[in-house]
Amino acid sequence: MVLMYEDESHIRDYQALHATWSLKGKQKQVLTHGHHATVSLFGALNVMNGEFLCMEAAKCNEQWFQQFLEYILSQYPKKNIVMILDNARIHHAVILKPFLEKHRKRLTLLFLPPYSPNLNLCERIWKWMKESVIVNRFYATREEIRESIISFLEYIADMPENVLQRVARVHMSKA
């Protein structure tokens, strides 16, 4: 059996500024060009071994979600997959029913409670990726964003133990 968390994300070239070091009196500046490029992704984290599987999509819709599920099934051809995911409309689409029925012996979808992104471990990977890919950076093209995403995915693929360590951290607020 494989236990996975699934989620979608959009990596945009919006200029996200965060705290950074700079010379005194020299504020960090990030260029902008007035239009925005986006890379849409489906991702699934294998919590058994820290592997993060990711697929670029033209859109985050039902058809692309089914393609992503097919990709996941192909990566684990002899395993049963339990996938934990949020309640996005695309996950409950009627057009998925025949596919899910066909693969019901190998693929089980478990839905998180509504409005609980803190319970989806994929959200922590997306946060890490965005911190690494878009914060304090400018991309002139969508292809440059893609290259940076691929570089990040290659980086985490080489260190699954760090991925598991990163997603295992839970921060509790002081109420």
C-alpha atoms as a PDB file:
ATOM      1  CA  MET A   1       0.000   0.000   0.000  1.00  0.00           C
ATOM      2  CA  VAL A   2       1.032   3.596  -0.656  1.00  0.00           C
ATOM      3  CA  LEU A   3      -0.352   6.512   1.357  1.00  0.00           C
ATOM      4  CA  MET A   4      -0.345   9.808  -0.538  1.00  0.00           C
ATOM      5  CA  TYR A   5      -1.541  13.372  -0.055  1.00  0.00           C
ATOM      6  CA  GLU A   6      -2.653  15.151  -3.249  1.00  0.00           C
ATOM      7  CA  ASP A   7      -3.178  18.815  -4.082  1.00  0.00           C
ATOM      8  CA  GLU A   8      -3.014  21.324  -6.920  1.00  0.00           C
ATOM      9  CA  SER A   9      -1.140  24.596  -7.050  1.00  0.00           C
ATOM     10  CA  HIS A  10      -0.490  27.505  -9.364  1.00  0.00           C
ATOM     11  CA  ILE A  11       3.003  28.933  -9.404  1.00  0.00           C
ATOM     12  CA  ARG A  12       2.688  32.492 -10.620  1.00  0.00           C
ATOM     13  CA  ASP A  13       5.330  35.021 -11.461  1.00  0.00           C
ATOM     14  CA  TYR A  14       3.819  37.568  -9.100  1.00  0.00           C
ATOM     15  CA  GLN A  15       6.639  39.345  -7.437  1.00  0.00           C
ATOM     16  CA  ALA A  16       6.406  38.056  -3.873  1.00  0.00           C
ATOM     17  CA  LEU A  17       8.696  40.015  -1.613  1.00  0.00           C
ATOM     18  CA  HIS A  18       9.824  38.622   1.711  1.00  0.00           C
ATOM     19  CA  ALA A  19      12.395  39.661   4.253  1.00  0.00           C
ATOM     20  CA  THR A  20      15.907  39.410   2.904  1.00  0.00           C
ATOM     21  CA  TRP A  21      19.384  40.726   3.597  1.00  0.00           C
ATOM     22  CA  SER A  22      20.659  43.714   1.680  1.00  0.00           C
ATOM     23  CA  LEU A  23      23.186  46.462   2.093  1.00  0.00           C
ATOM     24  CA  LYS A  24      22.087  49.272   4.379  1.00  0.00           C
ATOM     25  CA  GLY A  25      20.241  51.857   2.330  1.00  0.00           C
ATOM     26  CA  LYS A  26      19.943  49.541  -0.704  1.00  0.00           C
ATOM     27  CA  GLN A  27      16.427  48.130  -0.755  1.00  0.00           C
ATOM     28  CA  LYS A  28      15.935  44.899  -2.697  1.00  0.00           C
ATOM     29  CA  GLN A  29      14.079  45.530  -5.939  1.00  0.00           C
ATOM     30  CA  VAL A  30      12.365  42.924  -8.074  1.00  0.00           C
ATOM     31  CA  LEU A  31      11.504  43.788 -11.664  1.00  0.00           C
ATOM     32  CA  THR A  32       8.026  43.442 -13.099  1.00  0.00           C
ATOM     33  CA  HIS A  33       6.697  43.595 -16.639  1.00  0.00           C
ATOM     34  CA  GLY A  34       2.945  44.054 -16.181  1.00  0.00           C
ATOM     35  CA  HIS A  35       1.683  40.658 -17.310  1.00  0.00           C
ATOM     36  CA  HIS A  36       1.675  37.398 -15.412  1.00  0.00           C
ATOM     37  CA  ALA A  37       2.613  33.850 -16.316  1.00  0.00           C
ATOM     38  CA  THR A  38       1.354  30.811 -14.435  1.00  0.00           C
ATOM     39  CA  VAL A  39       2.381  27.174 -14.201  1.00  0.00           C
ATOM     40  CA  SER A  40      -0.387  24.872 -12.905  1.00  0.00           C
ATOM     41  CA  LEU A  41       0.667  21.711 -11.095  1.00  0.00           C
ATOM     42  CA  PHE A  42      -0.789  18.558  -9.610  1.00  0.00           C
ATOM     43  CA  GLY A  43       1.289  16.997  -6.863  1.00  0.00           C
ATOM     44  CA  ALA A  44       1.168  13.976  -4.589  1.00  0.00           C
ATOM     45  CA  LEU A  45       3.385  13.220  -1.623  1.00  0.00           C
ATOM     46  CA  ASN A  46       4.149   9.615  -0.727  1.00  0.00           C
ATOM     47  CA  VAL A  47       4.336   9.793   3.065  1.00  0.00           C
ATOM     48  CA  MET A  48       5.928   6.361   3.248  1.00  0.00           C
ATOM     49  CA  ASN A  49       9.171   7.390   1.527  1.00  0.00           C
ATOM     50  CA  GLY A  50       9.089  11.169   0.928  1.00  0.00           C
ATOM     51  CA  GLU A  51       8.716  10.918  -2.842  1.00  0.00           C
ATOM     52  CA  PHE A  52       6.872  13.873  -4.380  1.00  0.00           C
ATOM     53  CA  LEU A  53       5.269  13.218  -7.762  1.00  0.00           C
ATOM     54  CA  CYS A  54       4.321  16.253  -9.772  1.00  0.00           C
ATOM     55  CA  MET A  55       2.714  16.887 -13.147  1.00  0.00           C
ATOM     56  CA  GLU A  56       2.236  20.124 -15.023  1.00  0.00           C
ATOM     57  CA  ALA A  57      -1.265  20.758 -16.341  1.00  0.00           C
ATOM     58  CA  ALA A  58      -2.722  23.229 -18.796  1.00  0.00           C
ATOM     59  CA  LYS A  59      -5.597  23.676 -16.308  1.00  0.00           C
ATOM     60  CA  CYS A  60      -6.582  22.356 -12.922  1.00  0.00           C
ATOM     61  CA  ASN A  61      -9.763  20.650 -14.056  1.00  0.00           C
ATOM     62  CA  GLU A  62     -11.383  17.202 -13.984  1.00  0.00           C
ATOM     63  CA  GLN A  63      -9.693  15.934 -17.148  1.00  0.00           C
ATOM     64  CA  TRP A  64      -6.234  16.890 -15.938  1.00  0.00           C
ATOM     65  CA  PHE A  65      -6.962  15.461 -12.500  1.00  0.00           C
ATOM     66  CA  GLN A  66      -7.854  12.130 -14.100  1.00  0.00           C
ATOM     67  CA  GLN A  67      -4.616  12.240 -16.113  1.00  0.00           C
ATOM     68  CA  PHE A  68      -2.741  12.849 -12.883  1.00  0.00           C
ATOM     69  CA  LEU A  69      -4.444   9.858 -11.233  1.00  0.00           C
ATOM     70  CA  GLU A  70      -3.457   7.736 -14.244  1.00  0.00           C
ATOM     71  CA  TYR A  71       0.122   8.945 -13.808  1.00  0.00           C
ATOM     72  CA  ILE A  72       0.082   8.013 -10.104  1.00  0.00           C
ATOM     73  CA  LEU A  73      -1.307   4.551 -10.874  1.00  0.00           C
ATOM     74  CA  SER A  74       1.433   4.033 -13.475  1.00  0.00           C
ATOM     75  CA  GLN A  75       4.117   4.923 -10.924  1.00  0.00           C
ATOM     76  CA  TYR A  76       2.898   2.217  -8.526  1.00  0.00           C
ATOM     77  CA  PRO A  77       1.643  -0.529 -10.882  1.00  0.00           C
ATOM     78  CA  LYS A  78       1.406  -3.283  -8.277  1.00  0.00           C
ATOM     79  CA  LYS A  79       0.389  -1.232  -5.243  1.00  0.00           C
ATOM     80  CA  ASN A  80      -2.868  -0.128  -3.692  1.00  0.00           C
ATOM     81  CA  ILE A  81      -2.970   3.644  -3.332  1.00  0.00           C
ATOM     82  CA  VAL A  82      -4.797   5.542  -0.623  1.00  0.00           C
ATOM     83  CA  MET A  83      -4.934   9.197  -1.567  1.00  0.00           C
ATOM     84  CA  ILE A  84      -5.887  11.912   0.891  1.00  0.00           C
ATOM     85  CA  LEU A  85      -7.139  15.099  -0.747  1.00  0.00           C
ATOM     86  CA  ASP A  86      -9.264  18.183  -0.273  1.00  0.00           C
ATOM     87  CA  ASN A  87     -12.842  18.694  -1.402  1.00  0.00           C
ATOM     88  CA  ALA A  88     -12.174  20.663  -4.570  1.00  0.00           C
ATOM     89  CA  ARG A  89     -14.997  20.317  -7.105  1.00  0.00           C
ATOM     90  CA  ILE A  90     -12.700  18.610  -9.592  1.00  0.00           C
ATOM     91  CA  HIS A  91     -12.155  15.745  -7.123  1.00  0.00           C
ATOM     92  CA  HIS A  92     -15.902  15.008  -7.018  1.00  0.00           C
ATOM     93  CA  ALA A  93     -16.679  15.482 -10.713  1.00  0.00           C
ATOM     94  CA  VAL A  94     -19.240  13.143 -12.259  1.00  0.00           C
ATOM     95  CA  ILE A  95     -16.971  12.428 -15.241  1.00  0.00           C
ATOM     96  CA  LEU A  96     -14.474  10.767 -12.843  1.00  0.00           C
ATOM     97  CA  LYS A  97     -16.949   8.135 -11.628  1.00  0.00           C
ATOM     98  CA  PRO A  98     -16.271   5.550 -14.389  1.00  0.00           C
ATOM     99  CA  PHE A  99     -12.507   5.945 -13.941  1.00  0.00           C
ATOM    100  CA  LEU A 100     -12.719   5.653 -10.154  1.00  0.00           C
ATOM    101  CA  GLU A 101     -15.008   2.643 -10.433  1.00  0.00           C
ATOM    102  CA  LYS A 102     -12.617   0.951 -12.855  1.00  0.00           C
ATOM    103  CA  HIS A 103      -9.692   1.452 -10.427  1.00  0.00           C
ATOM    104  CA  ARG A 104     -11.554   1.045  -7.136  1.00  0.00           C
ATOM    105  CA  LYS A 105      -9.506  -2.024  -6.151  1.00  0.00           C
ATOM    106  CA  ARG A 106      -6.247  -0.068  -6.412  1.00  0.00           C
ATOM    107  CA  LEU A 107      -7.208   3.557  -5.755  1.00  0.00           C
ATOM    108  CA  THR A 108      -9.057   4.852  -2.702  1.00  0.00           C
ATOM    109  CA  LEU A 109      -9.759   8.557  -2.278  1.00  0.00           C
ATOM    110  CA  LEU A 110     -10.155   9.881   1.277  1.00  0.00           C
ATOM    111  CA  PHE A 111     -11.405  13.443   1.611  1.00  0.00           C
ATOM    112  CA  LEU A 112     -10.252  15.860   4.269  1.00  0.00           C
ATOM    113  CA  PRO A 113     -12.802  17.942   6.165  1.00  0.00           C
ATOM    114  CA  PRO A 114     -13.840  21.091   4.292  1.00  0.00           C
ATOM    115  CA  TYR A 115     -11.609  24.149   4.686  1.00  0.00           C
ATOM    116  CA  SER A 116      -8.691  22.336   6.287  1.00  0.00           C
ATOM    117  CA  PRO A 117      -5.594  22.997   4.157  1.00  0.00           C
ATOM    118  CA  ASN A 118      -3.486  22.647   7.300  1.00  0.00           C
ATOM    119  CA  LEU A 119      -4.222  18.895   7.232  1.00  0.00           C
ATOM    120  CA  ASN A 120      -2.961  18.395   3.673  1.00  0.00           C
ATOM    121  CA  LEU A 121       0.776  17.728   3.738  1.00  0.00           C
ATOM    122  CA  CYS A 122       1.080  18.736   0.075  1.00  0.00           C
ATOM    123  CA  GLU A 123       0.392  22.321   1.125  1.00  0.00           C
ATOM    124  CA  ARG A 124       3.735  22.292   2.942  1.00  0.00           C
ATOM    125  CA  ILE A 125       5.543  21.215  -0.228  1.00  0.00           C
ATOM    126  CA  TRP A 126       3.827  23.974  -2.230  1.00  0.00           C
ATOM    127  CA  LYS A 127       4.826  26.536   0.419  1.00  0.00           C
ATOM    128  CA  TRP A 128       8.436  25.334   0.315  1.00  0.00           C
ATOM    129  CA  MET A 129       8.408  25.414  -3.487  1.00  0.00           C
ATOM    130  CA  LYS A 130       7.007  28.938  -3.625  1.00  0.00           C
ATOM    131  CA  GLU A 131       9.558  30.142  -1.083  1.00  0.00           C
ATOM    132  CA  SER A 132      12.301  28.621  -3.222  1.00  0.00           C
ATOM    133  CA  VAL A 133      10.972  29.497  -6.668  1.00  0.00           C
ATOM    134  CA  ILE A 134       9.159  32.839  -6.626  1.00  0.00           C
ATOM    135  CA  VAL A 135      10.081  34.793  -3.512  1.00  0.00           C
ATOM    136  CA  ASN A 136      12.254  37.819  -4.340  1.00  0.00           C
ATOM    137  CA  ARG A 137      12.660  36.733  -7.978  1.00  0.00           C
ATOM    138  CA  PHE A 138      11.584  37.947 -11.374  1.00  0.00           C
ATOM    139  CA  TYR A 139      10.797  35.672 -14.314  1.00  0.00           C
ATOM    140  CA  ALA A 140      10.378  37.174 -17.746  1.00  0.00           C
ATOM    141  CA  THR A 141       8.756  34.044 -19.185  1.00  0.00           C
ATOM    142  CA  ARG A 142       6.677  31.042 -18.193  1.00  0.00           C
ATOM    143  CA  GLU A 143       9.560  28.818 -19.315  1.00  0.00           C
ATOM    144  CA  GLU A 144      11.851  30.419 -16.733  1.00  0.00           C
ATOM    145  CA  ILE A 145       9.310  29.592 -14.007  1.00  0.00           C
ATOM    146  CA  ARG A 146       9.116  26.001 -15.280  1.00  0.00           C
ATOM    147  CA  GLU A 147      12.918  25.648 -15.199  1.00  0.00           C
ATOM    148  CA  SER A 148      13.007  26.873 -11.612  1.00  0.00           C
ATOM    149  CA  ILE A 149      10.209  24.461 -10.622  1.00  0.00           C
ATOM    150  CA  ILE A 150      12.038  21.552 -12.259  1.00  0.00           C
ATOM    151  CA  SER A 151      15.216  22.509 -10.437  1.00  0.00           C
ATOM    152  CA  PHE A 152      13.344  22.527  -7.119  1.00  0.00           C
ATOM    153  CA  LEU A 153      11.725  19.139  -7.846  1.00  0.00           C
ATOM    154  CA  GLU A 154      15.117  17.632  -8.720  1.00  0.00           C
ATOM    155  CA  TYR A 155      16.534  19.079  -5.493  1.00  0.00           C
ATOM    156  CA  ILE A 156      13.881  17.501  -3.261  1.00  0.00           C
ATOM    157  CA  ALA A 157      13.949  14.204  -5.192  1.00  0.00           C
ATOM    158  CA  ASP A 158      17.512  13.699  -3.978  1.00  0.00           C
ATOM    159  CA  MET A 159      16.596  14.133  -0.319  1.00  0.00           C
ATOM    160  CA  PRO A 160      13.320  12.397   0.564  1.00  0.00           C
ATOM    161  CA  GLU A 161      14.268  12.279   4.248  1.00  0.00           C
ATOM    162  CA  ASN A 162      14.351  16.103   4.300  1.00  0.00           C
ATOM    163  CA  VAL A 163      10.962  16.179   2.570  1.00  0.00           C
ATOM    164  CA  LEU A 164       9.466  13.973   5.281  1.00  0.00           C
ATOM    165  CA  GLN A 165      11.128  16.041   7.978  1.00  0.00           C
ATOM    166  CA  ARG A 166       9.793  19.258   6.441  1.00  0.00           C
ATOM    167  CA  VAL A 167       6.188  18.059   6.170  1.00  0.00           C
ATOM    168  CA  ALA A 168       6.213  16.484   9.633  1.00  0.00           C
ATOM    169  CA  ARG A 169       6.678  19.843  11.352  1.00  0.00           C
ATOM    170  CA  VAL A 170       3.459  21.113  12.825  1.00  0.00           C
ATOM    171  CA  HIS A 171       3.178  24.612  14.214  1.00  0.00           C
ATOM    172  CA  MET A 172       0.538  25.218  16.839  1.00  0.00           C
ATOM    173  CA  SER A 173      -0.747  28.726  17.381  1.00  0.00           C
ATOM    174  CA  LYS A 174      -0.861  30.108  20.883  1.00  0.00           C
ATOM    175  CA  ALA A 175      -4.521  30.725  21.613  1.00  0.00           C
END
